[in-house]
Amino acid sequence: MNQRVKELRKALHLSQSQFGKKLCVTGPAISRIEKGDRAVTDQMAKAICNEFNVNPDWLYNGTGEMLREFPSPLMEQLAQEFKLDELEQEFIQDFLTLDATERQIIARFLRGSK
């Protein structure tokens, strides 16, 4: 699991410090996890899955996709009701995987551009 934490962090283009900050731990703590010097606790694994929308099967076992997808029945309903194309659906899914601070930044930008 330690190696998958590193793989996830790199896929998200985050430094150890940035990754740790989102989980309320230090960069050195993430470094120790990635090196295998420190085990990933169940609490940490759950935090990683929740914060970064990670598929728990992938994190624990290395099976399935790294990231969870937005529930498709709900996306299909949104796409149909609002006539969303694939790019718009992808944008919504990506937006929802951001943390609250990142969503607020985008919301402020969009409100300011009106």
PDB file of N, CA and C in Angstrom:
ATOM      1  N   MET A   1       0.825  -1.195   0.000  1.00  0.00           N
ATOM      2  CA  MET A   1       0.000   0.000   0.000  1.00  0.00           C
ATOM      3  C   MET A   1       0.869   1.259   0.000  1.00  0.00           C
ATOM      4  N   ASN A   2       2.021   1.189   0.644  1.00  0.00           N
ATOM      5  CA  ASN A   2       2.888   2.366   0.732  1.00  0.00           C
ATOM      6  C   ASN A   2       3.285   2.869  -0.657  1.00  0.00           C
ATOM      7  N   GLN A   3       3.598   1.939  -1.556  1.00  0.00           N
ATOM      8  CA  GLN A   3       4.000   2.318  -2.910  1.00  0.00           C
ATOM      9  C   GLN A   3       2.833   2.958  -3.659  1.00  0.00           C
ATOM     10  N   ARG A   4       1.613   2.486  -3.410  1.00  0.00           N
ATOM     11  CA  ARG A   4       0.439   3.061  -4.076  1.00  0.00           C
ATOM     12  C   ARG A   4       0.174   4.481  -3.582  1.00  0.00           C
ATOM     13  N   VAL A   5       0.492   4.760  -2.323  1.00  0.00           N
ATOM     14  CA  VAL A   5       0.358   6.134  -1.816  1.00  0.00           C
ATOM     15  C   VAL A   5       1.270   7.051  -2.629  1.00  0.00           C
ATOM     16  N   LYS A   6       2.489   6.606  -2.857  1.00  0.00           N
ATOM     17  CA  LYS A   6       3.437   7.399  -3.650  1.00  0.00           C
ATOM     18  C   LYS A   6       2.932   7.557  -5.088  1.00  0.00           C
ATOM     19  N   GLU A   7       2.436   6.473  -5.660  1.00  0.00           N
ATOM     20  CA  GLU A   7       1.919   6.517  -7.029  1.00  0.00           C
ATOM     21  C   GLU A   7       0.756   7.512  -7.134  1.00  0.00           C
ATOM     22  N   LEU A   8      -0.137   7.485  -6.153  1.00  0.00           N
ATOM     23  CA  LEU A   8      -1.271   8.407  -6.131  1.00  0.00           C
ATOM     24  C   LEU A   8      -0.792   9.844  -6.046  1.00  0.00           C
ATOM     25  N   ARG A   9       0.109  10.103  -5.109  1.00  0.00           N
ATOM     26  CA  ARG A   9       0.612  11.472  -4.919  1.00  0.00           C
ATOM     27  C   ARG A   9       1.216  12.007  -6.197  1.00  0.00           C
ATOM     28  N   LYS A  10       2.011  11.180  -6.864  1.00  0.00           N
ATOM     29  CA  LYS A  10       2.642  11.616  -8.114  1.00  0.00           C
ATOM     30  C   LYS A  10       1.607  11.825  -9.213  1.00  0.00           C
ATOM     31  N   ALA A  11       0.584  10.958  -9.268  1.00  0.00           N
ATOM     32  CA  ALA A  11      -0.472  11.102 -10.276  1.00  0.00           C
ATOM     33  C   ALA A  11      -1.245  12.398 -10.072  1.00  0.00           C
ATOM     34  N   LEU A  12      -1.345  12.835  -8.821  1.00  0.00           N
ATOM     35  CA  LEU A  12      -2.047  14.081  -8.501  1.00  0.00           C
ATOM     36  C   LEU A  12      -1.140  15.311  -8.618  1.00  0.00           C
ATOM     37  N   HIS A  13       0.138  15.077  -8.926  1.00  0.00           N
ATOM     38  CA  HIS A  13       1.131  16.156  -9.078  1.00  0.00           C
ATOM     39  C   HIS A  13       1.244  16.996  -7.807  1.00  0.00           C
ATOM     40  N   LEU A  14       1.311  16.299  -6.671  1.00  0.00           N
ATOM     41  CA  LEU A  14       1.456  16.983  -5.389  1.00  0.00           C
ATOM     42  C   LEU A  14       2.799  16.620  -4.763  1.00  0.00           C
ATOM     43  N   SER A  15       3.398  17.588  -4.092  1.00  0.00           N
ATOM     44  CA  SER A  15       4.599  17.296  -3.318  1.00  0.00           C
ATOM     45  C   SER A  15       4.172  16.516  -2.076  1.00  0.00           C
ATOM     46  N   GLN A  16       5.147  15.938  -1.391  1.00  0.00           N
ATOM     47  CA  GLN A  16       4.829  15.236  -0.154  1.00  0.00           C
ATOM     48  C   GLN A  16       4.204  16.193   0.858  1.00  0.00           C
ATOM     49  N   SER A  17       4.691  17.405   0.879  1.00  0.00           N
ATOM     50  CA  SER A  17       4.167  18.400   1.804  1.00  0.00           C
ATOM     51  C   SER A  17       2.721  18.774   1.460  1.00  0.00           C
ATOM     52  N   GLN A  18       2.432  18.993   0.183  1.00  0.00           N
ATOM     53  CA  GLN A  18       1.076  19.342  -0.246  1.00  0.00           C
ATOM     54  C   GLN A  18       0.109  18.188   0.036  1.00  0.00           C
ATOM     55  N   PHE A  19       0.541  16.982  -0.274  1.00  0.00           N
ATOM     56  CA  PHE A  19      -0.277  15.793  -0.056  1.00  0.00           C
ATOM     57  C   PHE A  19      -0.570  15.649   1.439  1.00  0.00           C
ATOM     58  N   GLY A  20       0.473  15.777   2.253  1.00  0.00           N
ATOM     59  CA  GLY A  20       0.321  15.654   3.696  1.00  0.00           C
ATOM     60  C   GLY A  20      -0.585  16.715   4.287  1.00  0.00           C
ATOM     61  N   LYS A  21      -0.467  17.939   3.780  1.00  0.00           N
ATOM     62  CA  LYS A  21      -1.277  19.035   4.306  1.00  0.00           C
ATOM     63  C   LYS A  21      -2.762  18.733   4.159  1.00  0.00           C
ATOM     64  N   LYS A  22      -3.148  18.149   3.045  1.00  0.00           N
ATOM     65  CA  LYS A  22      -4.554  17.811   2.819  1.00  0.00           C
ATOM     66  C   LYS A  22      -5.036  16.722   3.777  1.00  0.00           C
ATOM     67  N   LEU A  23      -4.089  15.961   4.317  1.00  0.00           N
ATOM     68  CA  LEU A  23      -4.417  14.878   5.247  1.00  0.00           C
ATOM     69  C   LEU A  23      -4.092  15.241   6.696  1.00  0.00           C
ATOM     70  N   CYS A  24      -3.673  16.478   6.910  1.00  0.00           N
ATOM     71  CA  CYS A  24      -3.319  16.979   8.245  1.00  0.00           C
ATOM     72  C   CYS A  24      -2.123  16.238   8.841  1.00  0.00           C
ATOM     73  N   VAL A  25      -1.165  15.887   7.980  1.00  0.00           N
ATOM     74  CA  VAL A  25       0.105  15.321   8.437  1.00  0.00           C
ATOM     75  C   VAL A  25       1.229  16.074   7.726  1.00  0.00           C
ATOM     76  N   THR A  26       2.450  15.856   8.164  1.00  0.00           N
ATOM     77  CA  THR A  26       3.581  16.564   7.587  1.00  0.00           C
ATOM     78  C   THR A  26       4.111  15.867   6.338  1.00  0.00           C
ATOM     79  N   GLY A  27       4.883  16.604   5.569  1.00  0.00           N
ATOM     80  CA  GLY A  27       5.576  16.027   4.418  1.00  0.00           C
ATOM     81  C   GLY A  27       6.501  14.889   4.821  1.00  0.00           C
ATOM     82  N   PRO A  28       7.295  15.053   5.895  1.00  0.00           N
ATOM     83  CA  PRO A  28       8.152  13.952   6.333  1.00  0.00           C
ATOM     84  C   PRO A  28       7.361  12.693   6.704  1.00  0.00           C
ATOM     85  N   ALA A  29       6.144  12.851   7.242  1.00  0.00           N
ATOM     86  CA  ALA A  29       5.313  11.678   7.564  1.00  0.00           C
ATOM     87  C   ALA A  29       4.940  10.946   6.278  1.00  0.00           C
ATOM     88  N   ILE A  30       4.637  11.687   5.226  1.00  0.00           N
ATOM     89  CA  ILE A  30       4.316  11.075   3.935  1.00  0.00           C
ATOM     90  C   ILE A  30       5.557  10.387   3.378  1.00  0.00           C
ATOM     91  N   SER A  31       6.705  11.013   3.531  1.00  0.00           N
ATOM     92  CA  SER A  31       7.955  10.415   3.073  1.00  0.00           C
ATOM     93  C   SER A  31       8.187   9.061   3.743  1.00  0.00           C
ATOM     94  N   ARG A  32       7.966   9.002   5.059  1.00  0.00           N
ATOM     95  CA  ARG A  32       8.162   7.739   5.786  1.00  0.00           C
ATOM     96  C   ARG A  32       7.172   6.669   5.311  1.00  0.00           C
ATOM     97  N   ILE A  33       5.952   7.088   5.014  1.00  0.00           N
ATOM     98  CA  ILE A  33       4.954   6.136   4.489  1.00  0.00           C
ATOM     99  C   ILE A  33       5.418   5.610   3.139  1.00  0.00           C
ATOM    100  N   GLU A  34       5.821   6.506   2.253  1.00  0.00           N
ATOM    101  CA  GLU A  34       6.221   6.101   0.901  1.00  0.00           C
ATOM    102  C   GLU A  34       7.448   5.192   0.920  1.00  0.00           C
ATOM    103  N   LYS A  35       8.357   5.412   1.852  1.00  0.00           N
ATOM    104  CA  LYS A  35       9.560   4.579   1.955  1.00  0.00           C
ATOM    105  C   LYS A  35       9.279   3.238   2.623  1.00  0.00           C
ATOM    106  N   GLY A  36       8.101   3.106   3.236  1.00  0.00           N
ATOM    107  CA  GLY A  36       7.772   1.872   3.939  1.00  0.00           C
ATOM    108  C   GLY A  36       8.241   1.860   5.373  1.00  0.00           C
ATOM    109  N   ASP A  37       8.750   2.994   5.849  1.00  0.00           N
ATOM    110  CA  ASP A  37       9.196   3.083   7.242  1.00  0.00           C
ATOM    111  C   ASP A  37       8.022   3.198   8.207  1.00  0.00           C
ATOM    112  N   ARG A  38       6.867   3.547   7.668  1.00  0.00           N
ATOM    113  CA  ARG A  38       5.673   3.749   8.486  1.00  0.00           C
ATOM    114  C   ARG A  38       4.502   3.109   7.755  1.00  0.00           C
ATOM    115  N   ALA A  39       3.706   2.335   8.475  1.00  0.00           N
ATOM    116  CA  ALA A  39       2.543   1.684   7.869  1.00  0.00           C
ATOM    117  C   ALA A  39       1.430   2.704   7.634  1.00  0.00           C
ATOM    118  N   VAL A  40       0.596   2.407   6.664  1.00  0.00           N
ATOM    119  CA  VAL A  40      -0.593   3.222   6.422  1.00  0.00           C
ATOM    120  C   VAL A  40      -1.685   2.678   7.335  1.00  0.00           C
ATOM    121  N   THR A  41      -2.114   3.481   8.284  1.00  0.00           N
ATOM    122  CA  THR A  41      -3.168   3.054   9.201  1.00  0.00           C
ATOM    123  C   THR A  41      -4.515   3.036   8.474  1.00  0.00           C
ATOM    124  N   ASP A  42      -5.482   2.343   9.051  1.00  0.00           N
ATOM    125  CA  ASP A  42      -6.826   2.344   8.464  1.00  0.00           C
ATOM    126  C   ASP A  42      -7.388   3.757   8.415  1.00  0.00           C
ATOM    127  N   GLN A  43      -7.135   4.528   9.462  1.00  0.00           N
ATOM    128  CA  GLN A  43      -7.609   5.908   9.509  1.00  0.00           C
ATOM    129  C   GLN A  43      -6.993   6.731   8.372  1.00  0.00           C
ATOM    130  N   MET A  44      -5.689   6.555   8.144  1.00  0.00           N
ATOM    131  CA  MET A  44      -5.013   7.280   7.074  1.00  0.00           C
ATOM    132  C   MET A  44      -5.542   6.828   5.710  1.00  0.00           C
ATOM    133  N   ALA A  45      -5.734   5.532   5.538  1.00  0.00           N
ATOM    134  CA  ALA A  45      -6.249   5.014   4.269  1.00  0.00           C
ATOM    135  C   ALA A  45      -7.634   5.587   3.975  1.00  0.00           C
ATOM    136  N   LYS A  46      -8.490   5.637   4.991  1.00  0.00           N
ATOM    137  CA  LYS A  46      -9.829   6.206   4.804  1.00  0.00           C
ATOM    138  C   LYS A  46      -9.750   7.686   4.462  1.00  0.00           C
ATOM    139  N   ALA A  47      -8.849   8.400   5.116  1.00  0.00           N
ATOM    140  CA  ALA A  47      -8.670   9.827   4.826  1.00  0.00           C
ATOM    141  C   ALA A  47      -8.193  10.028   3.387  1.00  0.00           C
ATOM    142  N   ILE A  48      -7.266   9.196   2.938  1.00  0.00           N
ATOM    143  CA  ILE A  48      -6.767   9.287   1.561  1.00  0.00           C
ATOM    144  C   ILE A  48      -7.906   9.042   0.575  1.00  0.00           C
ATOM    145  N   CYS A  49      -8.690   8.011   0.827  1.00  0.00           N
ATOM    146  CA  CYS A  49      -9.804   7.684  -0.073  1.00  0.00           C
ATOM    147  C   CYS A  49     -10.824   8.816  -0.120  1.00  0.00           C
ATOM    148  N   ASN A  50     -11.143   9.384   1.035  1.00  0.00           N
ATOM    149  CA  ASN A  50     -12.129  10.463   1.096  1.00  0.00           C
ATOM    150  C   ASN A  50     -11.613  11.759   0.484  1.00  0.00           C
ATOM    151  N   GLU A  51     -10.403  12.123   0.824  1.00  0.00           N
ATOM    152  CA  GLU A  51      -9.845  13.403   0.369  1.00  0.00           C
ATOM    153  C   GLU A  51      -9.573  13.435  -1.129  1.00  0.00           C
ATOM    154  N   PHE A  52      -9.088  12.312  -1.669  1.00  0.00           N
ATOM    155  CA  PHE A  52      -8.655  12.298  -3.062  1.00  0.00           C
ATOM    156  C   PHE A  52      -9.553  11.453  -3.966  1.00  0.00           C
ATOM    157  N   ASN A  53     -10.711  11.009  -3.442  1.00  0.00           N
ATOM    158  CA  ASN A  53     -11.665  10.225  -4.230  1.00  0.00           C
ATOM    159  C   ASN A  53     -11.037   8.931  -4.755  1.00  0.00           C
ATOM    160  N   VAL A  54     -10.270   8.274  -3.898  1.00  0.00           N
ATOM    161  CA  VAL A  54      -9.543   7.061  -4.286  1.00  0.00           C
ATOM    162  C   VAL A  54     -10.418   5.826  -4.071  1.00  0.00           C
ATOM    163  N   ASN A  55     -10.316   4.915  -5.005  1.00  0.00           N
ATOM    164  CA  ASN A  55     -10.995   3.628  -4.914  1.00  0.00           C
ATOM    165  C   ASN A  55     -10.308   2.812  -3.807  1.00  0.00           C
ATOM    166  N   PRO A  56     -11.020   2.461  -2.733  1.00  0.00           N
ATOM    167  CA  PRO A  56     -10.385   1.709  -1.637  1.00  0.00           C
ATOM    168  C   PRO A  56      -9.789   0.374  -2.090  1.00  0.00           C
ATOM    169  N   ASP A  57     -10.430  -0.309  -3.044  1.00  0.00           N
ATOM    170  CA  ASP A  57      -9.881  -1.578  -3.539  1.00  0.00           C
ATOM    171  C   ASP A  57      -8.505  -1.364  -4.152  1.00  0.00           C
ATOM    172  N   TRP A  58      -8.350  -0.260  -4.857  1.00  0.00           N
ATOM    173  CA  TRP A  58      -7.044   0.030  -5.459  1.00  0.00           C
ATOM    174  C   TRP A  58      -6.015   0.314  -4.361  1.00  0.00           C
ATOM    175  N   LEU A  59      -6.389   1.148  -3.393  1.00  0.00           N
ATOM    176  CA  LEU A  59      -5.431   1.524  -2.358  1.00  0.00           C
ATOM    177  C   LEU A  59      -5.016   0.313  -1.510  1.00  0.00           C
ATOM    178  N   TYR A  60      -5.972  -0.487  -1.092  1.00  0.00           N
ATOM    179  CA  TYR A  60      -5.667  -1.632  -0.225  1.00  0.00           C
ATOM    180  C   TYR A  60      -5.051  -2.811  -0.984  1.00  0.00           C
ATOM    181  N   ASN A  61      -5.581  -3.097  -2.188  1.00  0.00           N
ATOM    182  CA  ASN A  61      -5.205  -4.333  -2.884  1.00  0.00           C
ATOM    183  C   ASN A  61      -4.539  -4.146  -4.241  1.00  0.00           C
ATOM    184  N   GLY A  62      -4.572  -2.922  -4.757  1.00  0.00           N
ATOM    185  CA  GLY A  62      -4.009  -2.689  -6.088  1.00  0.00           C
ATOM    186  C   GLY A  62      -4.923  -3.151  -7.206  1.00  0.00           C
ATOM    187  N   THR A  63      -6.206  -3.357  -6.908  1.00  0.00           N
ATOM    188  CA  THR A  63      -7.141  -3.807  -7.938  1.00  0.00           C
ATOM    189  C   THR A  63      -8.103  -2.690  -8.315  1.00  0.00           C
ATOM    190  N   GLY A  64      -8.522  -2.696  -9.556  1.00  0.00           N
ATOM    191  CA  GLY A  64      -9.463  -1.683 -10.030  1.00  0.00           C
ATOM    192  C   GLY A  64      -8.764  -0.389 -10.395  1.00  0.00           C
ATOM    193  N   GLU A  65      -9.572   0.603 -10.677  1.00  0.00           N
ATOM    194  CA  GLU A  65      -9.061   1.926 -11.047  1.00  0.00           C
ATOM    195  C   GLU A  65      -8.594   2.684  -9.810  1.00  0.00           C
ATOM    196  N   MET A  66      -7.629   3.572  -9.995  1.00  0.00           N
ATOM    197  CA  MET A  66      -7.100   4.363  -8.890  1.00  0.00           C
ATOM    198  C   MET A  66      -8.184   5.255  -8.277  1.00  0.00           C
ATOM    199  N   LEU A  67      -8.914   5.957  -9.115  1.00  0.00           N
ATOM    200  CA  LEU A  67      -9.898   6.922  -8.630  1.00  0.00           C
ATOM    201  C   LEU A  67     -11.317   6.413  -8.845  1.00  0.00           C
ATOM    202  N   ARG A  68     -12.183   6.758  -7.899  1.00  0.00           N
ATOM    203  CA  ARG A  68     -13.600   6.409  -8.038  1.00  0.00           C
ATOM    204  C   ARG A  68     -14.233   7.354  -9.044  1.00  0.00           C
ATOM    205  N   GLU A  69     -15.196   6.849  -9.744  1.00  0.00           N
ATOM    206  CA  GLU A  69     -15.924   7.690 -10.685  1.00  0.00           C
ATOM    207  C   GLU A  69     -17.182   8.204 -10.016  1.00  0.00           C
ATOM    208  N   PHE A  70     -17.662   9.302 -10.546  1.00  0.00           N
ATOM    209  CA  PHE A  70     -18.938   9.853 -10.111  1.00  0.00           C
ATOM    210  C   PHE A  70     -20.013   8.821 -10.396  1.00  0.00           C
ATOM    211  N   PRO A  71     -20.970   8.617  -9.523  1.00  0.00           N
ATOM    212  CA  PRO A  71     -21.998   7.598  -9.764  1.00  0.00           C
ATOM    213  C   PRO A  71     -22.676   7.804 -11.120  1.00  0.00           C
ATOM    214  N   SER A  72     -22.577   6.834 -11.986  1.00  0.00           N
ATOM    215  CA  SER A  72     -23.037   7.033 -13.346  1.00  0.00           C
ATOM    216  C   SER A  72     -24.538   7.267 -13.486  1.00  0.00           C
ATOM    217  N   PRO A  73     -25.427   6.641 -12.700  1.00  0.00           N
ATOM    218  CA  PRO A  73     -26.843   6.973 -12.877  1.00  0.00           C
ATOM    219  C   PRO A  73     -27.131   8.458 -12.635  1.00  0.00           C
ATOM    220  N   LEU A  74     -26.468   9.026 -11.645  1.00  0.00           N
ATOM    221  CA  LEU A  74     -26.651  10.442 -11.364  1.00  0.00           C
ATOM    222  C   LEU A  74     -26.090  11.296 -12.493  1.00  0.00           C
ATOM    223  N   MET A  75     -24.904  10.943 -13.001  1.00  0.00           N
ATOM    224  CA  MET A  75     -24.318  11.700 -14.109  1.00  0.00           C
ATOM    225  C   MET A  75     -25.185  11.574 -15.357  1.00  0.00           C
ATOM    226  N   GLU A  76     -25.707  10.378 -15.598  1.00  0.00           N
ATOM    227  CA  GLU A  76     -26.582  10.195 -16.764  1.00  0.00           C
ATOM    228  C   GLU A  76     -27.823  11.074 -16.656  1.00  0.00           C
ATOM    229  N   GLN A  77     -28.367  11.162 -15.464  1.00  0.00           N
ATOM    230  CA  GLN A  77     -29.542  12.011 -15.241  1.00  0.00           C
ATOM    231  C   GLN A  77     -29.193  13.482 -15.492  1.00  0.00           C
ATOM    232  N   LEU A  78     -28.055  13.934 -14.950  1.00  0.00           N
ATOM    233  CA  LEU A  78     -27.618  15.315 -15.177  1.00  0.00           C
ATOM    234  C   LEU A  78     -27.376  15.581 -16.660  1.00  0.00           C
ATOM    235  N   ALA A  79     -26.702  14.646 -17.317  1.00  0.00           N
ATOM    236  CA  ALA A  79     -26.382  14.811 -18.738  1.00  0.00           C
ATOM    237  C   ALA A  79     -27.647  14.925 -19.570  1.00  0.00           C
ATOM    238  N   GLN A  80     -28.614  14.107 -19.249  1.00  0.00           N
ATOM    239  CA  GLN A  80     -29.863  14.129 -20.002  1.00  0.00           C
ATOM    240  C   GLN A  80     -30.639  15.418 -19.732  1.00  0.00           C
ATOM    241  N   GLU A  81     -30.766  15.769 -18.461  1.00  0.00           N
ATOM    242  CA  GLU A  81     -31.562  16.943 -18.095  1.00  0.00           C
ATOM    243  C   GLU A  81     -30.957  18.246 -18.621  1.00  0.00           C
ATOM    244  N   PHE A  82     -29.621  18.337 -18.594  1.00  0.00           N
ATOM    245  CA  PHE A  82     -28.961  19.577 -18.981  1.00  0.00           C
ATOM    246  C   PHE A  82     -28.262  19.494 -20.339  1.00  0.00           C
ATOM    247  N   LYS A  83     -28.463  18.371 -21.045  1.00  0.00           N
ATOM    248  CA  LYS A  83     -27.875  18.158 -22.373  1.00  0.00           C
ATOM    249  C   LYS A  83     -26.357  18.382 -22.357  1.00  0.00           C
ATOM    250  N   LEU A  84     -25.691  17.680 -21.425  1.00  0.00           N
ATOM    251  CA  LEU A  84     -24.246  17.812 -21.260  1.00  0.00           C
ATOM    252  C   LEU A  84     -23.519  16.901 -22.234  1.00  0.00           C
ATOM    253  N   ASP A  85     -22.478  17.438 -22.888  1.00  0.00           N
ATOM    254  CA  ASP A  85     -21.648  16.580 -23.728  1.00  0.00           C
ATOM    255  C   ASP A  85     -20.587  15.905 -22.846  1.00  0.00           C
ATOM    256  N   GLU A  86     -19.750  15.065 -23.442  1.00  0.00           N
ATOM    257  CA  GLU A  86     -18.759  14.308 -22.661  1.00  0.00           C
ATOM    258  C   GLU A  86     -17.777  15.210 -21.931  1.00  0.00           C
ATOM    259  N   LEU A  87     -17.331  16.288 -22.578  1.00  0.00           N
ATOM    260  CA  LEU A  87     -16.386  17.205 -21.949  1.00  0.00           C
ATOM    261  C   LEU A  87     -17.009  17.873 -20.727  1.00  0.00           C
ATOM    262  N   GLU A  88     -18.263  18.283 -20.838  1.00  0.00           N
ATOM    263  CA  GLU A  88     -18.942  18.911 -19.710  1.00  0.00           C
ATOM    264  C   GLU A  88     -19.123  17.921 -18.555  1.00  0.00           C
ATOM    265  N   GLN A  89     -19.423  16.671 -18.868  1.00  0.00           N
ATOM    266  CA  GLN A  89     -19.555  15.646 -17.830  1.00  0.00           C
ATOM    267  C   GLN A  89     -18.214  15.416 -17.139  1.00  0.00           C
ATOM    268  N   GLU A  90     -17.162  15.372 -17.916  1.00  0.00           N
ATOM    269  CA  GLU A  90     -15.828  15.175 -17.351  1.00  0.00           C
ATOM    270  C   GLU A  90     -15.452  16.346 -16.451  1.00  0.00           C
ATOM    271  N   PHE A  91     -15.797  17.562 -16.878  1.00  0.00           N
ATOM    272  CA  PHE A  91     -15.514  18.746 -16.072  1.00  0.00           C
ATOM    273  C   PHE A  91     -16.218  18.649 -14.722  1.00  0.00           C
ATOM    274  N   ILE A  92     -17.479  18.240 -14.722  1.00  0.00           N
ATOM    275  CA  ILE A  92     -18.235  18.110 -13.471  1.00  0.00           C
ATOM    276  C   ILE A  92     -17.589  17.065 -12.575  1.00  0.00           C
ATOM    277  N   GLN A  93     -17.223  15.931 -13.146  1.00  0.00           N
ATOM    278  CA  GLN A  93     -16.577  14.882 -12.358  1.00  0.00           C
ATOM    279  C   GLN A  93     -15.263  15.375 -11.769  1.00  0.00           C
ATOM    280  N   ASP A  94     -14.458  16.057 -12.565  1.00  0.00           N
ATOM    281  CA  ASP A  94     -13.183  16.571 -12.074  1.00  0.00           C
ATOM    282  C   ASP A  94     -13.393  17.620 -10.985  1.00  0.00           C
ATOM    283  N   PHE A  95     -14.371  18.492 -11.190  1.00  0.00           N
ATOM    284  CA  PHE A  95     -14.674  19.533 -10.205  1.00  0.00           C
ATOM    285  C   PHE A  95     -15.036  18.908  -8.859  1.00  0.00           C
ATOM    286  N   LEU A  96     -15.827  17.844  -8.893  1.00  0.00           N
ATOM    287  CA  LEU A  96     -16.277  17.212  -7.659  1.00  0.00           C
ATOM    288  C   LEU A  96     -15.169  16.459  -6.932  1.00  0.00           C
ATOM    289  N   THR A  97     -14.079  16.147  -7.604  1.00  0.00           N
ATOM    290  CA  THR A  97     -12.966  15.475  -6.927  1.00  0.00           C
ATOM    291  C   THR A  97     -12.035  16.475  -6.229  1.00  0.00           C
ATOM    292  N   LEU A  98     -12.229  17.762  -6.480  1.00  0.00           N
ATOM    293  CA  LEU A  98     -11.417  18.780  -5.814  1.00  0.00           C
ATOM    294  C   LEU A  98     -11.844  18.909  -4.363  1.00  0.00           C
ATOM    295  N   ASP A  99     -10.922  19.375  -3.533  1.00  0.00           N
ATOM    296  CA  ASP A  99     -11.322  19.620  -2.150  1.00  0.00           C
ATOM    297  C   ASP A  99     -12.087  20.940  -2.069  1.00  0.00           C
ATOM    298  N   ALA A 100     -12.689  21.207  -0.932  1.00  0.00           N
ATOM    299  CA  ALA A 100     -13.561  22.372  -0.773  1.00  0.00           C
ATOM    300  C   ALA A 100     -12.847  23.687  -1.087  1.00  0.00           C
ATOM    301  N   THR A 101     -11.598  23.816  -0.682  1.00  0.00           N
ATOM    302  CA  THR A 101     -10.837  25.046  -0.932  1.00  0.00           C
ATOM    303  C   THR A 101     -10.644  25.266  -2.426  1.00  0.00           C
ATOM    304  N   GLU A 102     -10.289  24.213  -3.137  1.00  0.00           N
ATOM    305  CA  GLU A 102     -10.085  24.335  -4.580  1.00  0.00           C
ATOM    306  C   GLU A 102     -11.392  24.670  -5.304  1.00  0.00           C
ATOM    307  N   ARG A 103     -12.497  24.080  -4.853  1.00  0.00           N
ATOM    308  CA  ARG A 103     -13.806  24.394  -5.468  1.00  0.00           C
ATOM    309  C   ARG A 103     -14.162  25.851  -5.220  1.00  0.00           C
ATOM    310  N   GLN A 104     -13.856  26.371  -4.028  1.00  0.00           N
ATOM    311  CA  GLN A 104     -14.148  27.765  -3.713  1.00  0.00           C
ATOM    312  C   GLN A 104     -13.352  28.709  -4.609  1.00  0.00           C
ATOM    313  N   ILE A 105     -12.102  28.370  -4.885  1.00  0.00           N
ATOM    314  CA  ILE A 105     -11.263  29.195  -5.760  1.00  0.00           C
ATOM    315  C   ILE A 105     -11.880  29.273  -7.147  1.00  0.00           C
ATOM    316  N   ILE A 106     -12.309  28.131  -7.669  1.00  0.00           N
ATOM    317  CA  ILE A 106     -12.926  28.113  -8.996  1.00  0.00           C
ATOM    318  C   ILE A 106     -14.243  28.883  -8.979  1.00  0.00           C
ATOM    319  N   ALA A 107     -15.035  28.723  -7.930  1.00  0.00           N
ATOM    320  CA  ALA A 107     -16.310  29.437  -7.826  1.00  0.00           C
ATOM    321  C   ALA A 107     -16.085  30.946  -7.802  1.00  0.00           C
ATOM    322  N   ARG A 108     -15.087  31.388  -7.038  1.00  0.00           N
ATOM    323  CA  ARG A 108     -14.781  32.830  -7.004  1.00  0.00           C
ATOM    324  C   ARG A 108     -14.363  33.335  -8.385  1.00  0.00           C
ATOM    325  N   PHE A 109     -13.562  32.539  -9.074  1.00  0.00           N
ATOM    326  CA  PHE A 109     -13.127  32.923 -10.415  1.00  0.00           C
ATOM    327  C   PHE A 109     -14.327  33.056 -11.352  1.00  0.00           C
ATOM    328  N   LEU A 110     -15.212  32.081 -11.306  1.00  0.00           N
ATOM    329  CA  LEU A 110     -16.373  32.106 -12.194  1.00  0.00           C
ATOM    330  C   LEU A 110     -17.323  33.258 -11.858  1.00  0.00           C
ATOM    331  N   ARG A 111     -17.505  33.519 -10.592  1.00  0.00           N
ATOM    332  CA  ARG A 111     -18.374  34.639 -10.182  1.00  0.00           C
ATOM    333  C   ARG A 111     -17.768  35.976 -10.591  1.00  0.00           C
ATOM    334  N   GLY A 112     -16.446  36.047 -10.546  1.00  0.00           N
ATOM    335  CA  GLY A 112     -15.763  37.293 -10.910  1.00  0.00           C
ATOM    336  C   GLY A 112     -15.738  37.545 -12.406  1.00  0.00           C
ATOM    337  N   SER A 113     -15.960  36.501 -13.206  1.00  0.00           N
ATOM    338  CA  SER A 113     -15.896  36.675 -14.658  1.00  0.00           C
ATOM    339  C   SER A 113     -17.246  37.061 -15.252  1.00  0.00           C
ATOM    340  N   LYS A 114     -18.260  37.209 -14.423  1.00  0.00           N
ATOM    341  CA  LYS A 114     -19.606  37.576 -14.941  1.00  0.00           C
ATOM    342  C   LYS A 114     -19.748  39.057 -15.033  1.00  0.00           C
TER     343      LYS A 114
END
